[in-house]
PDB file of N, CA and C in Angstrom:
ATOM      1  N   PRO A   1      23.801  30.676  54.445  1.00  0.00           N
ATOM      2  CA  PRO A   1      24.214  29.500  55.185  1.00  0.00           C
ATOM      3  C   PRO A   1      23.878  28.210  54.415  1.00  0.00           C
ATOM      4  N   VAL A   2      24.740  27.239  54.488  1.00  0.00           N
ATOM      5  CA  VAL A   2      24.568  25.946  53.825  1.00  0.00           C
ATOM      6  C   VAL A   2      23.764  25.033  54.730  1.00  0.00           C
ATOM      7  N   PRO A   3      22.664  24.407  54.196  1.00  0.00           N
ATOM      8  CA  PRO A   3      21.865  23.514  55.051  1.00  0.00           C
ATOM      9  C   PRO A   3      22.651  22.269  55.402  1.00  0.00           C
ATOM     10  N   LYS A   4      22.312  21.694  56.544  1.00  0.00           N
ATOM     11  CA  LYS A   4      22.993  20.480  57.016  1.00  0.00           C
ATOM     12  C   LYS A   4      22.508  19.276  56.195  1.00  0.00           C
ATOM     13  N   PHE A   5      23.363  18.309  56.039  1.00  0.00           N
ATOM     14  CA  PHE A   5      23.038  17.074  55.314  1.00  0.00           C
ATOM     15  C   PHE A   5      22.000  16.290  56.093  1.00  0.00           C
ATOM     16  N   GLN A   6      20.887  15.948  55.415  1.00  0.00           N
ATOM     17  CA  GLN A   6      19.782  15.258  56.087  1.00  0.00           C
ATOM     18  C   GLN A   6      19.976  13.739  56.144  1.00  0.00           C
ATOM     19  N   GLY A   7      20.926  13.215  55.399  1.00  0.00           N
ATOM     20  CA  GLY A   7      21.137  11.768  55.406  1.00  0.00           C
ATOM     21  C   GLY A   7      20.302  11.061  54.327  1.00  0.00           C
ATOM     22  N   ASN A   8      19.604  11.789  53.453  1.00  0.00           N
ATOM     23  CA  ASN A   8      18.810  11.174  52.387  1.00  0.00           C
ATOM     24  C   ASN A   8      19.649  11.081  51.120  1.00  0.00           C
ATOM     25  N   THR A   9      20.200   9.927  50.874  1.00  0.00           N
ATOM     26  CA  THR A   9      20.997   9.744  49.656  1.00  0.00           C
ATOM     27  C   THR A   9      20.081   9.247  48.544  1.00  0.00           C
ATOM     28  N   THR A  10      20.587   9.322  47.328  1.00  0.00           N
ATOM     29  CA  THR A  10      19.785   8.812  46.194  1.00  0.00           C
ATOM     30  C   THR A  10      19.587   7.319  46.316  1.00  0.00           C
ATOM     31  N   HIS A  11      20.537   6.634  46.872  1.00  0.00           N
ATOM     32  CA  HIS A  11      20.409   5.192  47.053  1.00  0.00           C
ATOM     33  C   HIS A  11      19.239   4.868  47.992  1.00  0.00           C
ATOM     34  N   LYS A  12      19.126   5.619  49.077  1.00  0.00           N
ATOM     35  CA  LYS A  12      18.022   5.400  50.014  1.00  0.00           C
ATOM     36  C   LYS A  12      16.676   5.743  49.396  1.00  0.00           C
ATOM     37  N   ASP A  13      16.650   6.812  48.563  1.00  0.00           N
ATOM     38  CA  ASP A  13      15.392   7.194  47.922  1.00  0.00           C
ATOM     39  C   ASP A  13      14.938   6.175  46.881  1.00  0.00           C
ATOM     40  N   GLN A  14      15.889   5.594  46.151  1.00  0.00           N
ATOM     41  CA  GLN A  14      15.516   4.688  45.063  1.00  0.00           C
ATOM     42  C   GLN A  14      15.268   3.274  45.517  1.00  0.00           C
ATOM     43  N   PHE A  15      15.890   2.868  46.625  1.00  0.00           N
ATOM     44  CA  PHE A  15      15.744   1.496  47.072  1.00  0.00           C
ATOM     45  C   PHE A  15      15.110   1.456  48.467  1.00  0.00           C
ATOM     46  N   LYS A  16      13.868   1.931  48.516  1.00  0.00           N
ATOM     47  CA  LYS A  16      13.134   1.936  49.786  1.00  0.00           C
ATOM     48  C   LYS A  16      12.651   0.537  50.110  1.00  0.00           C
ATOM     49  N   GLN A  17      12.431   0.271  51.364  1.00  0.00           N
ATOM     50  CA  GLN A  17      11.859  -0.991  51.785  1.00  0.00           C
ATOM     51  C   GLN A  17      10.332  -0.899  51.711  1.00  0.00           C
ATOM     52  N   TRP A  18       9.759  -1.574  50.756  1.00  0.00           N
ATOM     53  CA  TRP A  18       8.314  -1.547  50.586  1.00  0.00           C
ATOM     54  C   TRP A  18       7.710  -2.769  51.263  1.00  0.00           C
ATOM     55  N   THR A  19       6.502  -2.578  51.778  1.00  0.00           N
ATOM     56  CA  THR A  19       5.810  -3.734  52.356  1.00  0.00           C
ATOM     57  C   THR A  19       5.012  -4.394  51.238  1.00  0.00           C
ATOM     58  N   ILE A  20       5.132  -5.701  51.162  1.00  0.00           N
ATOM     59  CA  ILE A  20       4.487  -6.432  50.056  1.00  0.00           C
ATOM     60  C   ILE A  20       3.443  -7.365  50.656  1.00  0.00           C
ATOM     61  N   GLU A  21       2.239  -7.314  50.057  1.00  0.00           N
ATOM     62  CA  GLU A  21       1.177  -8.217  50.494  1.00  0.00           C
ATOM     63  C   GLU A  21       1.046  -9.333  49.470  1.00  0.00           C
ATOM     64  N   ARG A  22       0.902 -10.525  49.948  1.00  0.00           N
ATOM     65  CA  ARG A  22       0.761 -11.673  49.046  1.00  0.00           C
ATOM     66  C   ARG A  22      -0.605 -11.598  48.357  1.00  0.00           C
ATOM     67  N   GLN A  23      -0.586 -11.829  47.040  1.00  0.00           N
ATOM     68  CA  GLN A  23      -1.830 -11.795  46.264  1.00  0.00           C
ATOM     69  C   GLN A  23      -2.456 -13.178  46.222  1.00  0.00           C
ATOM     70  N   LYS A  24      -3.750 -13.176  46.006  1.00  0.00           N
ATOM     71  CA  LYS A  24      -4.464 -14.448  45.884  1.00  0.00           C
ATOM     72  C   LYS A  24      -4.163 -15.048  44.515  1.00  0.00           C
ATOM     73  N   ALA A  25      -4.001 -16.338  44.456  1.00  0.00           N
ATOM     74  CA  ALA A  25      -3.759 -17.024  43.192  1.00  0.00           C
ATOM     75  C   ALA A  25      -5.028 -17.001  42.352  1.00  0.00           C
ATOM     76  N   PHE A  26      -4.854 -16.740  41.066  1.00  0.00           N
ATOM     77  CA  PHE A  26      -6.009 -16.702  40.163  1.00  0.00           C
ATOM     78  C   PHE A  26      -6.336 -18.119  39.704  1.00  0.00           C
ATOM     79  N   SER A  27      -7.592 -18.474  39.804  1.00  0.00           N
ATOM     80  CA  SER A  27      -8.011 -19.760  39.268  1.00  0.00           C
ATOM     81  C   SER A  27      -9.312 -19.543  38.512  1.00  0.00           C
ATOM     82  N   GLU A  28      -9.363 -20.166  37.335  1.00  0.00           N
ATOM     83  CA  GLU A  28     -10.569 -20.030  36.495  1.00  0.00           C
ATOM     84  C   GLU A  28     -11.720 -20.832  37.097  1.00  0.00           C
ATOM     85  N   PRO A  29     -12.906 -20.313  36.938  1.00  0.00           N
ATOM     86  CA  PRO A  29     -14.046 -21.122  37.387  1.00  0.00           C
ATOM     87  C   PRO A  29     -14.185 -22.333  36.483  1.00  0.00           C
ATOM     88  N   PRO A  30     -14.693 -23.438  36.977  1.00  0.00           N
ATOM     89  CA  PRO A  30     -14.812 -24.636  36.142  1.00  0.00           C
ATOM     90  C   PRO A  30     -15.777 -24.391  34.987  1.00  0.00           C
ATOM     91  N   ARG A  31     -15.358 -24.844  33.805  1.00  0.00           N
ATOM     92  CA  ARG A  31     -16.170 -24.643  32.612  1.00  0.00           C
ATOM     93  C   ARG A  31     -17.121 -25.828  32.432  1.00  0.00           C
ATOM     94  N   LEU A  32     -18.306 -25.507  32.001  1.00  0.00           N
ATOM     95  CA  LEU A  32     -19.285 -26.551  31.686  1.00  0.00           C
ATOM     96  C   LEU A  32     -19.202 -26.860  30.207  1.00  0.00           C
ATOM     97  N   LEU A  33     -19.308 -28.099  29.830  1.00  0.00           N
ATOM     98  CA  LEU A  33     -19.264 -28.505  28.442  1.00  0.00           C
ATOM     99  C   LEU A  33     -20.526 -28.041  27.753  1.00  0.00           C
ATOM    100  N   LYS A  34     -20.334 -27.250  26.693  1.00  0.00           N
ATOM    101  CA  LYS A  34     -21.503 -26.750  25.942  1.00  0.00           C
ATOM    102  C   LYS A  34     -21.568 -27.511  24.627  1.00  0.00           C
ATOM    103  N   VAL A  35     -22.666 -28.138  24.357  1.00  0.00           N
ATOM    104  CA  VAL A  35     -22.862 -28.910  23.137  1.00  0.00           C
ATOM    105  C   VAL A  35     -23.566 -28.021  22.140  1.00  0.00           C
ATOM    106  N   GLY A  36     -23.096 -28.041  20.875  1.00  0.00           N
ATOM    107  CA  GLY A  36     -23.685 -27.251  19.818  1.00  0.00           C
ATOM    108  C   GLY A  36     -25.091 -27.712  19.500  1.00  0.00           C
ATOM    109  N   SER A  37     -25.908 -26.800  18.967  1.00  0.00           N
ATOM    110  CA  SER A  37     -27.297 -27.153  18.719  1.00  0.00           C
ATOM    111  C   SER A  37     -27.538 -27.561  17.273  1.00  0.00           C
ATOM    112  N   GLY A  38     -26.569 -27.356  16.343  1.00  0.00           N
ATOM    113  CA  GLY A  38     -26.792 -27.697  14.944  1.00  0.00           C
ATOM    114  C   GLY A  38     -25.910 -28.844  14.503  1.00  0.00           C
ATOM    115  N   ALA A  39     -26.019 -29.157  13.210  1.00  0.00           N
ATOM    116  CA  ALA A  39     -25.194 -30.222  12.657  1.00  0.00           C
ATOM    117  C   ALA A  39     -23.767 -29.704  12.453  1.00  0.00           C
ATOM    118  N   MET A  40     -22.804 -30.574  12.610  1.00  0.00           N
ATOM    119  CA  MET A  40     -21.409 -30.192  12.453  1.00  0.00           C
ATOM    120  C   MET A  40     -21.075 -30.071  10.962  1.00  0.00           C
ATOM    121  N   GLU A  41     -20.386 -28.995  10.593  1.00  0.00           N
ATOM    122  CA  GLU A  41     -19.988 -28.812   9.207  1.00  0.00           C
ATOM    123  C   GLU A  41     -18.740 -29.632   8.949  1.00  0.00           C
ATOM    124  N   THR A  42     -18.796 -30.491   7.923  1.00  0.00           N
ATOM    125  CA  THR A  42     -17.684 -31.426   7.700  1.00  0.00           C
ATOM    126  C   THR A  42     -16.672 -30.903   6.688  1.00  0.00           C
ATOM    127  N   LYS A  43     -16.947 -29.792   6.016  1.00  0.00           N
ATOM    128  CA  LYS A  43     -15.980 -29.255   5.055  1.00  0.00           C
ATOM    129  C   LYS A  43     -15.016 -28.315   5.755  1.00  0.00           C
ATOM    130  N   THR A  44     -13.764 -28.411   5.346  1.00  0.00           N
ATOM    131  CA  THR A  44     -12.782 -27.475   5.892  1.00  0.00           C
ATOM    132  C   THR A  44     -12.928 -26.133   5.195  1.00  0.00           C
ATOM    133  N   MET A  45     -12.313 -25.131   5.750  1.00  0.00           N
ATOM    134  CA  MET A  45     -12.384 -23.800   5.133  1.00  0.00           C
ATOM    135  C   MET A  45     -11.738 -23.829   3.743  1.00  0.00           C
ATOM    136  N   GLN A  46     -10.672 -24.562   3.574  1.00  0.00           N
ATOM    137  CA  GLN A  46     -10.004 -24.663   2.290  1.00  0.00           C
ATOM    138  C   GLN A  46     -10.937 -25.247   1.242  1.00  0.00           C
ATOM    139  N   LYS A  47     -11.637 -26.340   1.588  1.00  0.00           N
ATOM    140  CA  LYS A  47     -12.562 -26.934   0.628  1.00  0.00           C
ATOM    141  C   LYS A  47     -13.749 -26.035   0.367  1.00  0.00           C
ATOM    142  N   ARG A  48     -14.274 -25.394   1.411  1.00  0.00           N
ATOM    143  CA  ARG A  48     -15.463 -24.564   1.265  1.00  0.00           C
ATOM    144  C   ARG A  48     -15.182 -23.355   0.400  1.00  0.00           C
ATOM    145  N   ASP A  49     -14.008 -22.726   0.527  1.00  0.00           N
ATOM    146  CA  ASP A  49     -13.758 -21.461  -0.131  1.00  0.00           C
ATOM    147  C   ASP A  49     -13.006 -21.589  -1.450  1.00  0.00           C
ATOM    148  N   PHE A  50     -12.152 -22.603  -1.628  1.00  0.00           N
ATOM    149  CA  PHE A  50     -11.257 -22.610  -2.771  1.00  0.00           C
ATOM    150  C   PHE A  50     -11.383 -23.801  -3.721  1.00  0.00           C
ATOM    151  N   VAL A  51     -12.039 -24.867  -3.317  1.00  0.00           N
ATOM    152  CA  VAL A  51     -12.124 -26.045  -4.176  1.00  0.00           C
ATOM    153  C   VAL A  51     -13.426 -25.979  -4.988  1.00  0.00           C
ATOM    154  N   TYR A  52     -13.287 -26.218  -6.320  1.00  0.00           N
ATOM    155  CA  TYR A  52     -14.455 -26.175  -7.210  1.00  0.00           C
ATOM    156  C   TYR A  52     -15.358 -27.358  -6.917  1.00  0.00           C
ATOM    157  N   ASP A  53     -16.638 -27.060  -6.709  1.00  0.00           N
ATOM    158  CA  ASP A  53     -17.574 -28.112  -6.322  1.00  0.00           C
ATOM    159  C   ASP A  53     -18.510 -28.537  -7.453  1.00  0.00           C
ATOM    160  N   GLY A  54     -18.282 -28.051  -8.671  1.00  0.00           N
ATOM    161  CA  GLY A  54     -19.077 -28.487  -9.832  1.00  0.00           C
ATOM    162  C   GLY A  54     -20.278 -27.612 -10.095  1.00  0.00           C
ATOM    163  N   SER A  55     -20.512 -26.589  -9.333  1.00  0.00           N
ATOM    164  CA  SER A  55     -21.660 -25.731  -9.581  1.00  0.00           C
ATOM    165  C   SER A  55     -21.384 -24.808 -10.764  1.00  0.00           C
ATOM    166  N   LYS A  56     -22.445 -24.359 -11.414  1.00  0.00           N
ATOM    167  CA  LYS A  56     -22.315 -23.487 -12.583  1.00  0.00           C
ATOM    168  C   LYS A  56     -21.836 -22.103 -12.146  1.00  0.00           C
ATOM    169  N   VAL A  57     -20.884 -21.596 -12.861  1.00  0.00           N
ATOM    170  CA  VAL A  57     -20.344 -20.281 -12.574  1.00  0.00           C
ATOM    171  C   VAL A  57     -20.439 -19.445 -13.847  1.00  0.00           C
ATOM    172  N   GLU A  58     -20.979 -18.234 -13.741  1.00  0.00           N
ATOM    173  CA  GLU A  58     -21.069 -17.376 -14.912  1.00  0.00           C
ATOM    174  C   GLU A  58     -19.698 -16.818 -15.249  1.00  0.00           C
ATOM    175  N   ARG A  59     -19.381 -16.876 -16.520  1.00  0.00           N
ATOM    176  CA  ARG A  59     -18.088 -16.333 -16.957  1.00  0.00           C
ATOM    177  C   ARG A  59     -18.199 -14.819 -17.014  1.00  0.00           C
ATOM    178  N   ALA A  60     -17.176 -14.148 -16.538  1.00  0.00           N
ATOM    179  CA  ALA A  60     -17.174 -12.682 -16.545  1.00  0.00           C
ATOM    180  C   ALA A  60     -17.032 -12.186 -17.986  1.00  0.00           C
ATOM    181  N   LYS A  61     -17.745 -11.123 -18.296  1.00  0.00           N
ATOM    182  CA  LYS A  61     -17.651 -10.558 -19.642  1.00  0.00           C
ATOM    183  C   LYS A  61     -16.337  -9.800 -19.773  1.00  0.00           C
ATOM    184  N   PRO A  62     -15.640  -9.987 -20.875  1.00  0.00           N
ATOM    185  CA  PRO A  62     -14.360  -9.288 -21.019  1.00  0.00           C
ATOM    186  C   PRO A  62     -14.560  -7.784 -21.229  1.00  0.00           C
ATOM    187  N   ILE A  63     -13.660  -7.037 -20.679  1.00  0.00           N
ATOM    188  CA  ILE A  63     -13.724  -5.581 -20.844  1.00  0.00           C
ATOM    189  C   ILE A  63     -12.791  -5.215 -21.981  1.00  0.00           C
ATOM    190  N   ILE A  64     -13.370  -4.691 -23.049  1.00  0.00           N
ATOM    191  CA  ILE A  64     -12.595  -4.309 -24.214  1.00  0.00           C
ATOM    192  C   ILE A  64     -12.558  -2.782 -24.264  1.00  0.00           C
ATOM    193  N   PRO A  65     -11.378  -2.198 -24.122  1.00  0.00           N
ATOM    194  CA  PRO A  65     -11.315  -0.738 -24.160  1.00  0.00           C
ATOM    195  C   PRO A  65     -11.537  -0.212 -25.572  1.00  0.00           C
ATOM    196  N   GLN A  66     -12.150   0.945 -25.653  1.00  0.00           N
ATOM    197  CA  GLN A  66     -12.363   1.583 -26.947  1.00  0.00           C
ATOM    198  C   GLN A  66     -11.104   2.373 -27.293  1.00  0.00           C
ATOM    199  N   VAL A  67     -10.554   2.069 -28.459  1.00  0.00           N
ATOM    200  CA  VAL A  67      -9.315   2.718 -28.869  1.00  0.00           C
ATOM    201  C   VAL A  67      -9.645   3.824 -29.854  1.00  0.00           C
ATOM    202  N   LYS A  68      -9.237   5.040 -29.538  1.00  0.00           N
ATOM    203  CA  LYS A  68      -9.390   6.157 -30.452  1.00  0.00           C
ATOM    204  C   LYS A  68      -8.015   6.556 -30.938  1.00  0.00           C
ATOM    205  N   VAL A  69      -7.800   6.434 -32.220  1.00  0.00           N
ATOM    206  CA  VAL A  69      -6.511   6.795 -32.800  1.00  0.00           C
ATOM    207  C   VAL A  69      -6.614   8.246 -33.249  1.00  0.00           C
ATOM    208  N   ILE A  70      -5.736   9.064 -32.699  1.00  0.00           N
ATOM    209  CA  ILE A  70      -5.701  10.477 -33.098  1.00  0.00           C
ATOM    210  C   ILE A  70      -4.526  10.650 -34.056  1.00  0.00           C
ATOM    211  N   ARG A  71      -4.841  11.056 -35.265  1.00  0.00           N
ATOM    212  CA  ARG A  71      -3.786  11.222 -36.277  1.00  0.00           C
ATOM    213  C   ARG A  71      -3.529  12.698 -36.501  1.00  0.00           C
ATOM    214  N   SER A  72      -2.324  13.000 -36.875  1.00  0.00           N
ATOM    215  CA  SER A  72      -1.939  14.372 -37.141  1.00  0.00           C
ATOM    216  C   SER A  72      -1.033  14.396 -38.370  1.00  0.00           C
ATOM    217  N   ASP A  73      -1.080  15.502 -39.101  1.00  0.00           N
ATOM    218  CA  ASP A  73      -0.209  15.663 -40.253  1.00  0.00           C
ATOM    219  C   ASP A  73       1.194  16.085 -39.845  1.00  0.00           C
ATOM    220  N   LEU A  74       1.329  16.565 -38.606  1.00  0.00           N
ATOM    221  CA  LEU A  74       2.629  17.017 -38.131  1.00  0.00           C
ATOM    222  C   LEU A  74       3.498  15.824 -37.769  1.00  0.00           C
ATOM    223  N   PRO A  75       4.793  15.901 -38.081  1.00  0.00           N
ATOM    224  CA  PRO A  75       5.694  14.780 -37.743  1.00  0.00           C
ATOM    225  C   PRO A  75       6.047  14.790 -36.254  1.00  0.00           C
ATOM    226  N   LEU A  76       6.673  13.704 -35.822  1.00  0.00           N
ATOM    227  CA  LEU A  76       7.153  13.643 -34.456  1.00  0.00           C
ATOM    228  C   LEU A  76       8.300  14.640 -34.286  1.00  0.00           C
ATOM    229  N   ASP A  77       8.449  15.207 -33.115  1.00  0.00           N
ATOM    230  CA  ASP A  77       9.507  16.209 -32.926  1.00  0.00           C
ATOM    231  C   ASP A  77      10.817  15.635 -32.452  1.00  0.00           C
ATOM    232  N   CYS A  78      10.938  14.323 -32.352  1.00  0.00           N
ATOM    233  CA  CYS A  78      12.186  13.642 -31.983  1.00  0.00           C
ATOM    234  C   CYS A  78      12.702  14.035 -30.606  1.00  0.00           C
ATOM    235  N   LEU A  79      11.849  14.540 -29.725  1.00  0.00           N
ATOM    236  CA  LEU A  79      12.297  14.913 -28.397  1.00  0.00           C
ATOM    237  C   LEU A  79      11.992  13.767 -27.440  1.00  0.00           C
ATOM    238  N   THR A  80      12.995  12.970 -27.138  1.00  0.00           N
ATOM    239  CA  THR A  80      12.817  11.928 -26.150  1.00  0.00           C
ATOM    240  C   THR A  80      12.955  12.527 -24.768  1.00  0.00           C
ATOM    241  N   SER A  81      12.581  11.791 -23.751  1.00  0.00           N
ATOM    242  CA  SER A  81      12.726  12.327 -22.384  1.00  0.00           C
ATOM    243  C   SER A  81      14.192  12.539 -22.042  1.00  0.00           C
ATOM    244  N   TYR A  82      15.075  11.702 -22.625  1.00  0.00           N
ATOM    245  CA  TYR A  82      16.502  11.870 -22.377  1.00  0.00           C
ATOM    246  C   TYR A  82      16.970  13.225 -22.930  1.00  0.00           C
ATOM    247  N   ARG A  83      16.533  13.521 -24.159  1.00  0.00           N
ATOM    248  CA  ARG A  83      16.968  14.795 -24.769  1.00  0.00           C
ATOM    249  C   ARG A  83      16.386  15.983 -24.027  1.00  0.00           C
ATOM    250  N   LEU A  84      15.136  15.859 -23.576  1.00  0.00           N
ATOM    251  CA  LEU A  84      14.518  16.996 -22.852  1.00  0.00           C
ATOM    252  C   LEU A  84      15.189  17.230 -21.500  1.00  0.00           C
ATOM    253  N   GLU A  85      15.469  16.145 -20.783  1.00  0.00           N
ATOM    254  CA  GLU A  85      15.949  16.303 -19.397  1.00  0.00           C
ATOM    255  C   GLU A  85      17.457  16.468 -19.298  1.00  0.00           C
ATOM    256  N   PHE A  86      18.218  15.824 -20.190  1.00  0.00           N
ATOM    257  CA  PHE A  86      19.667  15.821 -19.991  1.00  0.00           C
ATOM    258  C   PHE A  86      20.426  16.621 -21.029  1.00  0.00           C
ATOM    259  N   LYS A  87      19.846  16.808 -22.203  1.00  0.00           N
ATOM    260  CA  LYS A  87      20.590  17.537 -23.236  1.00  0.00           C
ATOM    261  C   LYS A  87      19.986  18.908 -23.503  1.00  0.00           C
ATOM    262  N   GLY A  88      18.808  19.160 -22.989  1.00  0.00           N
ATOM    263  CA  GLY A  88      18.174  20.446 -23.206  1.00  0.00           C
ATOM    264  C   GLY A  88      17.304  20.436 -24.443  1.00  0.00           C
ATOM    265  N   ILE A  89      16.445  21.442 -24.574  1.00  0.00           N
ATOM    266  CA  ILE A  89      15.492  21.510 -25.686  1.00  0.00           C
ATOM    267  C   ILE A  89      16.198  21.928 -26.988  1.00  0.00           C
ATOM    268  N   GLN A  90      17.388  22.469 -26.928  1.00  0.00           N
ATOM    269  CA  GLN A  90      18.071  22.962 -28.122  1.00  0.00           C
ATOM    270  C   GLN A  90      18.380  21.834 -29.112  1.00  0.00           C
ATOM    271  N   ASN A  91      18.469  20.595 -28.654  1.00  0.00           N
ATOM    272  CA  ASN A  91      18.903  19.490 -29.496  1.00  0.00           C
ATOM    273  C   ASN A  91      17.749  18.823 -30.208  1.00  0.00           C
ATOM    274  N   LYS A  92      16.924  19.593 -30.903  1.00  0.00           N
ATOM    275  CA  LYS A  92      15.821  19.011 -31.659  1.00  0.00           C
ATOM    276  C   LYS A  92      16.344  18.433 -32.971  1.00  0.00           C
ATOM    277  N   CYS A  93      15.563  17.570 -33.559  1.00  0.00           N
ATOM    278  CA  CYS A  93      15.922  17.056 -34.873  1.00  0.00           C
ATOM    279  C   CYS A  93      15.713  18.172 -35.894  1.00  0.00           C
ATOM    280  N   ARG A  94      16.676  18.412 -36.740  1.00  0.00           N
ATOM    281  CA  ARG A  94      16.554  19.438 -37.758  1.00  0.00           C
ATOM    282  C   ARG A  94      15.451  19.093 -38.756  1.00  0.00           C
ATOM    283  N   LEU A  95      15.350  17.837 -39.099  1.00  0.00           N
ATOM    284  CA  LEU A  95      14.317  17.422 -40.065  1.00  0.00           C
ATOM    285  C   LEU A  95      12.937  17.709 -39.516  1.00  0.00           C
ATOM    286  N   ALA A  96      12.713  17.430 -38.239  1.00  0.00           N
ATOM    287  CA  ALA A  96      11.419  17.666 -37.629  1.00  0.00           C
ATOM    288  C   ALA A  96      11.099  19.154 -37.626  1.00  0.00           C
ATOM    289  N   GLU A  97      12.095  19.998 -37.343  1.00  0.00           N
ATOM    290  CA  GLU A  97      11.869  21.450 -37.352  1.00  0.00           C
ATOM    291  C   GLU A  97      11.447  21.920 -38.730  1.00  0.00           C
ATOM    292  N   LEU A  98      12.140  21.416 -39.750  1.00  0.00           N
ATOM    293  CA  LEU A  98      11.831  21.833 -41.120  1.00  0.00           C
ATOM    294  C   LEU A  98      10.414  21.407 -41.521  1.00  0.00           C
ATOM    295  N   LEU A  99      10.036  20.187 -41.150  1.00  0.00           N
ATOM    296  CA  LEU A  99       8.714  19.698 -41.513  1.00  0.00           C
ATOM    297  C   LEU A  99       7.614  20.469 -40.775  1.00  0.00           C
ATOM    298  N   VAL A 100       7.858  20.812 -39.520  1.00  0.00           N
ATOM    299  CA  VAL A 100       6.877  21.566 -38.762  1.00  0.00           C
ATOM    300  C   VAL A 100       6.733  22.978 -39.358  1.00  0.00           C
ATOM    301  N   ASN A 101       7.838  23.575 -39.702  1.00  0.00           N
ATOM    302  CA  ASN A 101       7.781  24.909 -40.332  1.00  0.00           C
ATOM    303  C   ASN A 101       7.026  24.875 -41.659  1.00  0.00           C
ATOM    304  N   GLN A 102       7.273  23.811 -42.453  1.00  0.00           N
ATOM    305  CA  GLN A 102       6.555  23.679 -43.734  1.00  0.00           C
ATOM    306  C   GLN A 102       5.059  23.514 -43.499  1.00  0.00           C
ATOM    307  N   ALA A 103       4.681  22.720 -42.485  1.00  0.00           N
ATOM    308  CA  ALA A 103       3.274  22.509 -42.195  1.00  0.00           C
ATOM    309  C   ALA A 103       2.624  23.792 -41.725  1.00  0.00           C
ATOM    310  N   GLU A 104       3.327  24.589 -40.930  1.00  0.00           N
ATOM    311  CA  GLU A 104       2.775  25.862 -40.472  1.00  0.00           C
ATOM    312  C   GLU A 104       2.608  26.835 -41.639  1.00  0.00           C
ATOM    313  N   GLN A 105       3.541  26.821 -42.582  1.00  0.00           N
ATOM    314  CA  GLN A 105       3.431  27.700 -43.739  1.00  0.00           C
ATOM    315  C   GLN A 105       2.235  27.309 -44.599  1.00  0.00           C
ATOM    316  N   LYS A 106       2.009  26.000 -44.740  1.00  0.00           N
ATOM    317  CA  LYS A 106       0.851  25.538 -45.534  1.00  0.00           C
ATOM    318  C   LYS A 106      -0.459  25.966 -44.866  1.00  0.00           C
ATOM    319  N   LEU A 107      -0.497  25.892 -43.534  1.00  0.00           N
ATOM    320  CA  LEU A 107      -1.720  26.264 -42.804  1.00  0.00           C
ATOM    321  C   LEU A 107      -1.985  27.762 -42.876  1.00  0.00           C
ATOM    322  N   SER A 108      -0.931  28.549 -42.841  1.00  0.00           N
ATOM    323  CA  SER A 108      -1.098  30.002 -42.869  1.00  0.00           C
ATOM    324  C   SER A 108      -1.411  30.521 -44.280  1.00  0.00           C
ATOM    325  N   ALA A 109      -1.042  29.762 -45.322  1.00  0.00           N
ATOM    326  CA  ALA A 109      -1.269  30.211 -46.705  1.00  0.00           C
ATOM    327  C   ALA A 109      -2.672  29.969 -47.166  1.00  0.00           C
TER     328      ALA A 109
END
């Protein structure tokens, strides 16, 4: 059996008549003037933090990196990143291959 319609539509459920109570208006309590206990600072933050006032400042010591040069008797293999990534490893310089082979023969002899 189909239940009878109760008369509760979605419109009635969503737009109910609510009772509203008036809220009290918010008001801040009166503030008392508080006077500072120290001397007022007359410099602005810009002057205090960024303007040179003539005081001595130690110069920072420069950092000089130690350079170690590693030398090799082997020649460069002429493999740029372009040749490695886009042309494949097969495209080596013939001269470099010959020189590397000669160096290996000298080492093995």
